């Protein structure tokens, strides 16, 4: 079996600890699930999820890649994300829908319409709180609200924001991934 850090090492990112969670989610998600990842950087984790979903026979899952996709710096993170996206097989490219991050992007989705929301945007407490507030109501009953960098000493705001939102019994931690069923 391939170790999580061995998956497409040419794609920059800190997602080795996300991959086991996403591999499990690929098995759990329904065949027409709707998934949002907030903060995609170069796309390593969302492209991994797309590949795992295809391996599970779920090509109709829709993956929304929410990020600033800022082209201001020329070959920016957005340029790298699109480069990595188009280098993937067409079946993966068709699954992933990039969306430009704004504080209002969550409004494009109906309440309780998403099966999984994964938050990995800005890591300060206020930004994580804002993301949780914007996206939690979008997760359907039984769906998963999750995120990255819980317990990361470089991102203490993540733990603070998540702890302020979650019921203690509902919060699950796997490595630095936090998640709760809604």
N, C-alpha and C. Protein backbone atom coordinates (compact mmCIF):
# COMPACT_ATOMS: atom_id res chain seq x y z
N UNK A 1 0.84 -1.19 0.00
CA UNK A 1 0.00 0.00 0.00
C UNK A 1 0.88 1.25 0.00
N UNK A 2 0.48 2.25 -0.75
CA UNK A 2 1.21 3.50 -0.82
C UNK A 2 1.01 4.30 0.46
N UNK A 3 2.10 4.81 1.01
CA UNK A 3 1.99 5.67 2.19
C UNK A 3 1.42 7.01 1.75
N UNK A 4 0.66 7.69 2.63
CA UNK A 4 0.03 8.96 2.25
C UNK A 4 1.02 9.99 1.70
N UNK A 5 2.23 10.06 2.26
CA UNK A 5 3.18 11.06 1.80
C UNK A 5 3.79 10.71 0.45
N UNK A 6 3.59 9.46 -0.02
CA UNK A 6 4.12 9.04 -1.31
C UNK A 6 3.19 9.40 -2.47
N UNK A 7 1.96 9.80 -2.17
CA UNK A 7 1.00 10.09 -3.22
C UNK A 7 1.37 11.42 -3.88
N UNK A 8 1.69 11.40 -5.13
CA UNK A 8 2.06 12.57 -5.93
C UNK A 8 2.93 13.55 -5.15
N UNK A 9 4.15 13.15 -4.81
CA UNK A 9 5.02 14.05 -4.04
C UNK A 9 5.38 15.34 -4.78
N UNK A 10 5.15 15.39 -6.08
CA UNK A 10 5.44 16.62 -6.83
C UNK A 10 4.42 17.72 -6.53
N UNK A 11 3.30 17.37 -5.91
CA UNK A 11 2.29 18.37 -5.55
C UNK A 11 2.56 18.82 -4.12
N UNK A 12 2.87 20.10 -3.97
CA UNK A 12 3.17 20.64 -2.64
C UNK A 12 1.93 20.59 -1.75
N UNK A 13 2.16 20.46 -0.47
CA UNK A 13 1.06 20.48 0.48
C UNK A 13 1.40 19.76 1.75
N UNK A 14 0.53 19.89 2.71
CA UNK A 14 0.71 19.29 4.04
C UNK A 14 -0.43 18.33 4.29
N UNK A 15 -0.69 17.45 3.37
CA UNK A 15 -1.92 16.66 3.45
C UNK A 15 -1.70 15.19 3.76
N UNK A 16 -0.50 14.77 4.08
CA UNK A 16 -0.28 13.37 4.39
C UNK A 16 -1.17 12.88 5.51
N UNK A 17 -1.46 13.73 6.48
CA UNK A 17 -2.34 13.33 7.59
C UNK A 17 -3.82 13.45 7.22
N UNK A 18 -4.14 14.13 6.13
CA UNK A 18 -5.52 14.22 5.65
C UNK A 18 -5.88 12.97 4.84
N UNK A 19 -4.93 12.41 4.14
CA UNK A 19 -5.19 11.31 3.22
C UNK A 19 -5.89 10.12 3.88
N UNK A 20 -5.49 9.65 5.06
CA UNK A 20 -6.24 8.53 5.66
C UNK A 20 -7.71 8.88 5.92
N UNK A 21 -7.96 10.08 6.36
CA UNK A 21 -9.34 10.53 6.59
C UNK A 21 -10.11 10.54 5.27
N UNK A 22 -9.51 11.10 4.22
CA UNK A 22 -10.18 11.16 2.93
C UNK A 22 -10.36 9.76 2.33
N UNK A 23 -9.42 8.85 2.54
CA UNK A 23 -9.60 7.48 2.05
C UNK A 23 -10.82 6.85 2.71
N UNK A 24 -10.99 7.10 3.99
CA UNK A 24 -12.18 6.59 4.69
C UNK A 24 -13.45 7.26 4.17
N UNK A 25 -13.40 8.56 3.97
CA UNK A 25 -14.57 9.30 3.47
C UNK A 25 -14.96 8.82 2.08
N UNK A 26 -13.98 8.47 1.25
CA UNK A 26 -14.28 7.97 -0.10
C UNK A 26 -15.13 6.71 -0.03
N UNK A 27 -14.91 5.89 0.98
CA UNK A 27 -15.73 4.68 1.17
C UNK A 27 -17.11 5.03 1.72
N UNK A 28 -17.18 6.03 2.62
CA UNK A 28 -18.43 6.36 3.31
C UNK A 28 -19.37 7.22 2.48
N UNK A 29 -18.86 8.11 1.69
CA UNK A 29 -19.72 9.03 0.94
C UNK A 29 -20.60 8.30 -0.06
N UNK A 30 -21.79 8.83 -0.26
CA UNK A 30 -22.71 8.26 -1.25
C UNK A 30 -22.24 8.53 -2.67
N UNK A 31 -22.83 7.87 -3.64
CA UNK A 31 -22.39 7.98 -5.04
C UNK A 31 -22.66 9.33 -5.69
N UNK A 32 -23.50 10.15 -5.09
CA UNK A 32 -23.79 11.48 -5.64
C UNK A 32 -23.59 12.57 -4.58
N UNK A 33 -22.62 12.35 -3.71
CA UNK A 33 -22.35 13.28 -2.62
C UNK A 33 -21.84 14.62 -3.14
N UNK A 34 -22.00 15.62 -2.32
CA UNK A 34 -21.47 16.96 -2.57
C UNK A 34 -20.48 17.29 -1.46
N UNK A 35 -19.25 17.64 -1.85
CA UNK A 35 -18.16 17.86 -0.91
C UNK A 35 -17.55 19.23 -1.19
N UNK A 36 -17.25 19.96 -0.11
CA UNK A 36 -16.53 21.23 -0.22
C UNK A 36 -15.24 21.13 0.58
N UNK A 37 -14.15 21.53 -0.04
CA UNK A 37 -12.89 21.71 0.69
C UNK A 37 -12.57 23.20 0.64
N UNK A 38 -12.47 23.80 1.81
CA UNK A 38 -12.15 25.22 1.93
C UNK A 38 -10.66 25.34 2.19
N UNK A 39 -9.93 25.89 1.23
CA UNK A 39 -8.48 26.01 1.33
C UNK A 39 -7.80 24.84 0.66
N UNK A 40 -7.58 24.93 -0.65
CA UNK A 40 -7.03 23.79 -1.40
C UNK A 40 -5.54 23.90 -1.71
N UNK A 41 -4.96 25.09 -1.53
CA UNK A 41 -3.54 25.31 -1.80
C UNK A 41 -3.22 24.80 -3.20
N UNK A 42 -2.36 23.81 -3.34
CA UNK A 42 -2.00 23.28 -4.66
C UNK A 42 -2.89 22.11 -5.08
N UNK A 43 -3.84 21.73 -4.23
CA UNK A 43 -4.81 20.71 -4.61
C UNK A 43 -4.50 19.29 -4.21
N UNK A 44 -3.45 19.09 -3.45
CA UNK A 44 -3.01 17.72 -3.15
C UNK A 44 -4.09 16.89 -2.46
N UNK A 45 -4.76 17.43 -1.47
CA UNK A 45 -5.73 16.61 -0.73
C UNK A 45 -7.01 16.40 -1.52
N UNK A 46 -7.54 17.41 -2.18
CA UNK A 46 -8.80 17.23 -2.91
C UNK A 46 -8.61 16.34 -4.13
N UNK A 47 -7.45 16.40 -4.76
CA UNK A 47 -7.19 15.52 -5.89
C UNK A 47 -7.00 14.08 -5.42
N UNK A 48 -6.42 13.90 -4.25
CA UNK A 48 -6.32 12.58 -3.65
C UNK A 48 -7.72 12.01 -3.41
N UNK A 49 -8.60 12.83 -2.82
CA UNK A 49 -9.97 12.39 -2.57
C UNK A 49 -10.65 12.00 -3.88
N UNK A 50 -10.49 12.80 -4.91
CA UNK A 50 -11.10 12.48 -6.20
C UNK A 50 -10.62 11.13 -6.70
N UNK A 51 -9.34 10.87 -6.61
CA UNK A 51 -8.80 9.58 -7.06
C UNK A 51 -9.40 8.43 -6.25
N UNK A 52 -9.48 8.60 -4.94
CA UNK A 52 -10.03 7.54 -4.08
C UNK A 52 -11.52 7.32 -4.39
N UNK A 53 -12.25 8.37 -4.66
CA UNK A 53 -13.66 8.23 -5.02
C UNK A 53 -13.82 7.44 -6.32
N UNK A 54 -12.95 7.71 -7.28
CA UNK A 54 -13.00 6.93 -8.53
C UNK A 54 -12.69 5.46 -8.26
N UNK A 55 -11.72 5.20 -7.40
CA UNK A 55 -11.39 3.81 -7.05
C UNK A 55 -12.59 3.12 -6.40
N UNK A 56 -13.43 3.89 -5.71
CA UNK A 56 -14.63 3.34 -5.06
C UNK A 56 -15.82 3.28 -6.02
N UNK A 57 -15.62 3.68 -7.28
CA UNK A 57 -16.70 3.65 -8.26
C UNK A 57 -17.71 4.77 -8.08
N UNK A 58 -17.25 5.94 -7.65
CA UNK A 58 -18.14 7.07 -7.39
C UNK A 58 -17.74 8.30 -8.21
N UNK A 59 -17.84 8.21 -9.54
CA UNK A 59 -17.43 9.34 -10.39
C UNK A 59 -18.40 10.52 -10.36
N UNK A 60 -19.58 10.35 -9.78
CA UNK A 60 -20.57 11.42 -9.79
C UNK A 60 -20.56 12.27 -8.52
N UNK A 61 -19.61 12.02 -7.62
CA UNK A 61 -19.46 12.89 -6.46
C UNK A 61 -18.94 14.23 -6.97
N UNK A 62 -19.51 15.31 -6.46
CA UNK A 62 -19.06 16.65 -6.86
C UNK A 62 -18.17 17.22 -5.77
N UNK A 63 -16.98 17.64 -6.18
CA UNK A 63 -15.99 18.21 -5.27
C UNK A 63 -15.82 19.68 -5.60
N UNK A 64 -16.07 20.53 -4.62
CA UNK A 64 -15.93 21.97 -4.80
C UNK A 64 -14.65 22.42 -4.09
N UNK A 65 -13.71 22.96 -4.86
CA UNK A 65 -12.41 23.40 -4.36
C UNK A 65 -12.47 24.90 -4.13
N UNK A 66 -12.67 25.30 -2.87
CA UNK A 66 -12.85 26.71 -2.53
C UNK A 66 -11.51 27.28 -2.07
N UNK A 67 -11.02 28.26 -2.78
CA UNK A 67 -9.74 28.89 -2.45
C UNK A 67 -9.73 30.27 -3.10
N UNK A 68 -8.87 31.19 -2.62
CA UNK A 68 -8.82 32.50 -3.28
C UNK A 68 -8.44 32.43 -4.75
N UNK A 69 -7.71 31.37 -5.15
CA UNK A 69 -7.27 31.24 -6.55
C UNK A 69 -6.78 32.60 -7.06
N UNK A 70 -5.86 33.19 -6.32
CA UNK A 70 -5.36 34.53 -6.60
C UNK A 70 -4.23 34.49 -7.62
N UNK A 71 -4.46 35.12 -8.75
CA UNK A 71 -3.47 35.14 -9.83
C UNK A 71 -2.57 36.37 -9.76
N UNK A 72 -2.66 37.16 -8.72
CA UNK A 72 -1.92 38.43 -8.64
C UNK A 72 -0.41 38.23 -8.75
N UNK A 73 0.09 37.10 -8.27
CA UNK A 73 1.53 36.87 -8.26
C UNK A 73 2.02 36.07 -9.47
N UNK A 74 1.24 36.03 -10.54
CA UNK A 74 1.66 35.25 -11.69
C UNK A 74 1.50 33.77 -11.40
N UNK A 75 2.61 33.03 -11.38
CA UNK A 75 2.55 31.59 -11.08
C UNK A 75 2.34 31.44 -9.58
N UNK A 76 1.13 31.60 -9.18
CA UNK A 76 0.76 31.59 -7.78
C UNK A 76 0.30 30.20 -7.37
N UNK A 77 -0.20 30.10 -6.15
CA UNK A 77 -0.80 28.84 -5.69
C UNK A 77 -1.93 28.43 -6.63
N UNK A 78 -2.70 29.42 -7.11
CA UNK A 78 -3.79 29.11 -8.03
C UNK A 78 -3.25 28.51 -9.32
N UNK A 79 -2.19 29.08 -9.84
CA UNK A 79 -1.59 28.54 -11.05
C UNK A 79 -1.12 27.12 -10.83
N UNK A 80 -0.52 26.87 -9.68
CA UNK A 80 -0.07 25.52 -9.37
C UNK A 80 -1.26 24.57 -9.23
N UNK A 81 -2.33 25.02 -8.56
CA UNK A 81 -3.52 24.19 -8.41
C UNK A 81 -4.08 23.81 -9.78
N UNK A 82 -4.28 24.79 -10.66
CA UNK A 82 -4.84 24.49 -11.98
C UNK A 82 -3.91 23.60 -12.80
N UNK A 83 -2.61 23.83 -12.67
CA UNK A 83 -1.63 22.98 -13.36
C UNK A 83 -1.78 21.53 -12.90
N UNK A 84 -1.86 21.31 -11.58
CA UNK A 84 -2.00 19.95 -11.06
C UNK A 84 -3.35 19.35 -11.44
N UNK A 85 -4.38 20.17 -11.43
CA UNK A 85 -5.71 19.68 -11.80
C UNK A 85 -5.73 19.17 -13.23
N UNK A 86 -5.23 19.95 -14.16
CA UNK A 86 -5.30 19.54 -15.57
C UNK A 86 -4.33 18.41 -15.90
N UNK A 87 -3.39 18.13 -15.03
CA UNK A 87 -2.48 17.00 -15.24
C UNK A 87 -3.11 15.67 -14.80
N UNK A 88 -4.24 15.76 -14.12
CA UNK A 88 -4.95 14.57 -13.66
C UNK A 88 -5.76 13.97 -14.81
N UNK A 89 -6.16 12.71 -14.67
CA UNK A 89 -7.04 12.12 -15.69
C UNK A 89 -8.34 12.93 -15.82
N UNK A 90 -8.91 12.92 -17.02
CA UNK A 90 -10.13 13.70 -17.28
C UNK A 90 -11.25 13.39 -16.30
N UNK A 91 -11.36 12.16 -15.86
CA UNK A 91 -12.43 11.80 -14.91
C UNK A 91 -12.29 12.58 -13.61
N UNK A 92 -11.07 12.84 -13.17
CA UNK A 92 -10.85 13.65 -11.96
C UNK A 92 -11.15 15.10 -12.25
N UNK A 93 -10.68 15.59 -13.39
CA UNK A 93 -10.92 16.99 -13.75
C UNK A 93 -12.41 17.29 -13.77
N UNK A 94 -13.21 16.36 -14.27
CA UNK A 94 -14.67 16.57 -14.33
C UNK A 94 -15.31 16.59 -12.95
N UNK A 95 -14.70 15.97 -11.96
CA UNK A 95 -15.27 15.91 -10.61
C UNK A 95 -15.02 17.19 -9.81
N UNK A 96 -13.92 17.87 -10.06
CA UNK A 96 -13.48 18.99 -9.23
C UNK A 96 -13.92 20.31 -9.85
N UNK A 97 -14.61 21.11 -9.05
CA UNK A 97 -15.10 22.42 -9.49
C UNK A 97 -14.46 23.51 -8.64
N UNK A 98 -13.49 24.23 -9.20
CA UNK A 98 -12.87 25.32 -8.43
C UNK A 98 -13.87 26.47 -8.22
N UNK A 99 -13.89 27.00 -7.03
CA UNK A 99 -14.69 28.18 -6.70
C UNK A 99 -13.79 29.20 -6.02
N UNK A 100 -13.93 30.45 -6.41
CA UNK A 100 -13.14 31.50 -5.77
C UNK A 100 -13.68 31.77 -4.38
N UNK A 101 -12.78 31.75 -3.41
CA UNK A 101 -13.17 32.01 -2.03
C UNK A 101 -13.53 33.47 -1.85
N UNK A 102 -14.68 33.69 -1.26
CA UNK A 102 -15.06 34.98 -0.69
C UNK A 102 -15.75 34.64 0.62
N UNK A 103 -15.94 35.58 1.48
CA UNK A 103 -16.64 35.32 2.73
C UNK A 103 -18.09 34.93 2.48
N UNK A 104 -18.60 35.18 1.28
CA UNK A 104 -20.00 34.87 0.95
C UNK A 104 -20.16 33.60 0.11
N UNK A 105 -19.09 32.90 -0.22
CA UNK A 105 -19.19 31.76 -1.13
C UNK A 105 -20.10 30.66 -0.57
N UNK A 106 -20.17 30.52 0.72
CA UNK A 106 -21.03 29.48 1.31
C UNK A 106 -22.50 29.71 0.97
N UNK A 107 -22.87 30.96 0.72
CA UNK A 107 -24.27 31.27 0.38
C UNK A 107 -24.70 30.65 -0.95
N UNK A 108 -23.75 30.23 -1.76
CA UNK A 108 -24.08 29.59 -3.04
C UNK A 108 -24.66 28.19 -2.84
N UNK A 109 -24.55 27.66 -1.62
CA UNK A 109 -25.03 26.32 -1.32
C UNK A 109 -26.23 26.40 -0.38
N UNK A 110 -27.22 25.59 -0.65
CA UNK A 110 -28.41 25.54 0.22
C UNK A 110 -28.03 24.94 1.57
N UNK A 111 -28.72 25.35 2.60
CA UNK A 111 -28.53 24.74 3.91
C UNK A 111 -28.80 23.25 3.82
N UNK A 112 -28.01 22.47 4.54
CA UNK A 112 -28.13 21.02 4.63
C UNK A 112 -28.02 20.32 3.26
N UNK A 113 -27.20 20.86 2.37
CA UNK A 113 -27.06 20.29 1.03
C UNK A 113 -25.74 19.57 0.80
N UNK A 114 -24.82 19.65 1.76
CA UNK A 114 -23.49 19.09 1.57
C UNK A 114 -23.28 17.87 2.47
N UNK A 115 -22.56 16.91 1.95
CA UNK A 115 -22.29 15.68 2.69
C UNK A 115 -21.01 15.77 3.51
N UNK A 116 -20.07 16.57 3.05
CA UNK A 116 -18.80 16.76 3.74
C UNK A 116 -18.29 18.16 3.45
N UNK A 117 -17.92 18.86 4.50
CA UNK A 117 -17.21 20.14 4.37
C UNK A 117 -15.91 19.98 5.15
N UNK A 118 -14.79 20.26 4.48
CA UNK A 118 -13.47 20.17 5.10
C UNK A 118 -12.85 21.56 5.10
N UNK A 119 -12.58 22.09 6.29
CA UNK A 119 -12.08 23.46 6.45
C UNK A 119 -10.57 23.44 6.68
N UNK A 120 -9.86 24.10 5.77
CA UNK A 120 -8.40 24.17 5.85
C UNK A 120 -7.91 25.48 5.24
N UNK A 121 -8.64 26.56 5.54
CA UNK A 121 -8.28 27.87 5.01
C UNK A 121 -7.30 28.58 5.92
N UNK A 122 -7.61 29.81 6.26
CA UNK A 122 -6.78 30.56 7.21
C UNK A 122 -6.85 29.86 8.57
N UNK A 123 -5.78 29.94 9.34
CA UNK A 123 -5.68 29.14 10.57
C UNK A 123 -5.76 29.95 11.85
N UNK A 124 -6.03 31.24 11.76
CA UNK A 124 -6.21 32.02 12.99
C UNK A 124 -7.61 31.76 13.54
N UNK A 125 -7.80 31.97 14.83
CA UNK A 125 -9.05 31.63 15.48
C UNK A 125 -10.26 32.31 14.84
N UNK A 126 -10.16 33.60 14.57
CA UNK A 126 -11.30 34.32 13.99
C UNK A 126 -11.69 33.78 12.62
N UNK A 127 -10.71 33.48 11.78
CA UNK A 127 -11.01 32.96 10.44
C UNK A 127 -11.64 31.57 10.52
N UNK A 128 -11.13 30.72 11.39
CA UNK A 128 -11.70 29.37 11.53
C UNK A 128 -13.13 29.47 12.06
N UNK A 129 -13.36 30.35 13.03
CA UNK A 129 -14.72 30.55 13.54
C UNK A 129 -15.65 31.02 12.43
N UNK A 130 -15.19 31.95 11.61
CA UNK A 130 -16.00 32.45 10.50
C UNK A 130 -16.31 31.34 9.51
N UNK A 131 -15.30 30.52 9.18
CA UNK A 131 -15.53 29.41 8.25
C UNK A 131 -16.51 28.40 8.84
N UNK A 132 -16.35 28.05 10.10
CA UNK A 132 -17.27 27.10 10.73
C UNK A 132 -18.69 27.67 10.73
N UNK A 133 -18.83 28.94 11.10
CA UNK A 133 -20.16 29.56 11.11
C UNK A 133 -20.79 29.57 9.73
N UNK A 134 -19.99 29.82 8.71
CA UNK A 134 -20.52 29.90 7.35
C UNK A 134 -20.90 28.53 6.79
N UNK A 135 -20.15 27.49 7.15
CA UNK A 135 -20.31 26.20 6.50
C UNK A 135 -21.07 25.15 7.30
N UNK A 136 -21.10 25.25 8.62
CA UNK A 136 -21.74 24.21 9.43
C UNK A 136 -23.20 23.99 9.04
N UNK A 137 -23.92 25.05 8.77
CA UNK A 137 -25.35 24.93 8.42
C UNK A 137 -25.54 24.34 7.03
N UNK A 138 -24.49 24.24 6.25
CA UNK A 138 -24.58 23.69 4.89
C UNK A 138 -24.47 22.17 4.88
N UNK A 139 -24.05 21.59 6.01
CA UNK A 139 -23.86 20.14 6.10
C UNK A 139 -25.20 19.49 6.44
N UNK A 140 -25.57 18.48 5.67
CA UNK A 140 -26.83 17.78 5.88
C UNK A 140 -26.78 17.00 7.19
N UNK A 141 -27.94 16.63 7.68
CA UNK A 141 -28.04 15.78 8.86
C UNK A 141 -27.35 14.45 8.55
N UNK A 142 -26.43 14.04 9.39
CA UNK A 142 -25.66 12.83 9.16
C UNK A 142 -24.37 13.07 8.40
N UNK A 143 -24.20 14.29 7.85
CA UNK A 143 -22.99 14.62 7.11
C UNK A 143 -21.85 14.95 8.06
N UNK A 144 -20.70 15.30 7.49
CA UNK A 144 -19.48 15.52 8.26
C UNK A 144 -18.97 16.94 8.06
N UNK A 145 -18.71 17.61 9.17
CA UNK A 145 -17.98 18.88 9.20
C UNK A 145 -16.60 18.55 9.75
N UNK A 146 -15.56 18.91 9.03
CA UNK A 146 -14.21 18.51 9.41
C UNK A 146 -13.22 19.62 9.07
N UNK A 147 -11.98 19.39 9.44
CA UNK A 147 -10.94 20.35 9.11
C UNK A 147 -9.56 19.83 9.48
N UNK A 148 -8.60 20.67 9.24
CA UNK A 148 -7.19 20.30 9.37
C UNK A 148 -6.50 21.17 10.41
N UNK A 149 -5.41 20.67 10.91
CA UNK A 149 -4.46 21.36 11.79
C UNK A 149 -4.93 21.53 13.22
N UNK A 150 -5.82 20.68 13.68
CA UNK A 150 -6.19 20.67 15.09
C UNK A 150 -4.98 20.14 15.87
N UNK A 151 -4.54 20.89 16.83
CA UNK A 151 -3.38 20.48 17.62
C UNK A 151 -2.05 20.85 17.02
N UNK A 152 -2.03 21.45 15.85
CA UNK A 152 -0.78 21.90 15.25
C UNK A 152 -0.27 23.09 16.08
N UNK A 153 0.92 22.99 16.67
CA UNK A 153 1.40 24.08 17.52
C UNK A 153 1.59 25.40 16.77
N UNK A 154 1.71 25.34 15.46
CA UNK A 154 1.84 26.56 14.67
C UNK A 154 0.49 27.21 14.38
N UNK A 155 -0.61 26.51 14.70
CA UNK A 155 -1.96 27.01 14.40
C UNK A 155 -2.89 26.82 15.60
N UNK A 156 -2.57 27.43 16.75
CA UNK A 156 -3.41 27.22 17.93
C UNK A 156 -4.84 27.73 17.76
N UNK A 157 -5.05 28.64 16.86
CA UNK A 157 -6.39 29.18 16.63
C UNK A 157 -7.37 28.14 16.14
N UNK A 158 -6.88 27.11 15.43
CA UNK A 158 -7.77 26.06 14.94
C UNK A 158 -8.40 25.34 16.12
N UNK A 159 -7.58 24.89 17.06
CA UNK A 159 -8.09 24.16 18.23
C UNK A 159 -9.06 25.03 19.02
N UNK A 160 -8.71 26.29 19.22
CA UNK A 160 -9.57 27.19 19.99
C UNK A 160 -10.93 27.37 19.32
N UNK A 161 -10.93 27.59 18.03
CA UNK A 161 -12.19 27.81 17.31
C UNK A 161 -13.04 26.53 17.30
N UNK A 162 -12.41 25.40 17.03
CA UNK A 162 -13.15 24.14 16.97
C UNK A 162 -13.71 23.80 18.35
N UNK A 163 -12.92 23.95 19.39
CA UNK A 163 -13.40 23.66 20.74
C UNK A 163 -14.55 24.58 21.13
N UNK A 164 -14.52 25.81 20.66
CA UNK A 164 -15.60 26.74 20.96
C UNK A 164 -16.90 26.38 20.26
N UNK A 165 -16.82 25.62 19.19
CA UNK A 165 -18.00 25.26 18.41
C UNK A 165 -18.55 23.88 18.78
N UNK A 166 -17.65 22.93 18.99
CA UNK A 166 -18.03 21.52 19.09
C UNK A 166 -18.53 21.14 20.47
N UNK A 167 -19.51 20.25 20.48
CA UNK A 167 -19.86 19.56 21.72
C UNK A 167 -18.75 18.55 21.96
N UNK A 168 -18.25 18.49 23.19
CA UNK A 168 -17.10 17.63 23.49
C UNK A 168 -17.31 16.19 23.04
N UNK A 169 -18.48 15.64 23.21
CA UNK A 169 -18.73 14.26 22.83
C UNK A 169 -18.81 14.03 21.34
N UNK A 170 -19.05 15.08 20.57
CA UNK A 170 -19.22 14.93 19.14
C UNK A 170 -17.92 15.08 18.36
N UNK A 171 -16.90 15.64 18.98
CA UNK A 171 -15.65 15.95 18.29
C UNK A 171 -14.74 14.72 18.26
N UNK A 172 -14.23 14.42 17.06
CA UNK A 172 -13.29 13.32 16.87
C UNK A 172 -11.99 13.91 16.31
N UNK A 173 -10.87 13.39 16.78
CA UNK A 173 -9.56 13.85 16.32
C UNK A 173 -8.80 12.64 15.78
N UNK A 174 -8.29 12.77 14.56
CA UNK A 174 -7.44 11.75 13.95
C UNK A 174 -6.21 12.46 13.42
N UNK A 175 -5.09 12.28 14.12
CA UNK A 175 -3.86 13.01 13.82
C UNK A 175 -4.17 14.50 14.00
N UNK A 176 -4.08 15.29 12.95
CA UNK A 176 -4.44 16.72 13.07
C UNK A 176 -5.77 17.02 12.38
N UNK A 177 -6.51 15.99 11.99
CA UNK A 177 -7.82 16.17 11.39
C UNK A 177 -8.88 16.12 12.49
N UNK A 178 -9.74 17.13 12.51
CA UNK A 178 -10.88 17.14 13.43
C UNK A 178 -12.13 16.90 12.61
N UNK A 179 -13.13 16.23 13.20
CA UNK A 179 -14.37 16.03 12.47
C UNK A 179 -15.52 15.76 13.45
N UNK A 180 -16.71 16.05 12.99
CA UNK A 180 -17.91 15.76 13.76
C UNK A 180 -19.04 15.47 12.80
N UNK A 181 -19.89 14.54 13.20
CA UNK A 181 -21.07 14.23 12.41
C UNK A 181 -22.16 15.20 12.82
N UNK A 182 -22.88 15.73 11.85
CA UNK A 182 -23.94 16.72 12.12
C UNK A 182 -25.27 16.03 12.33
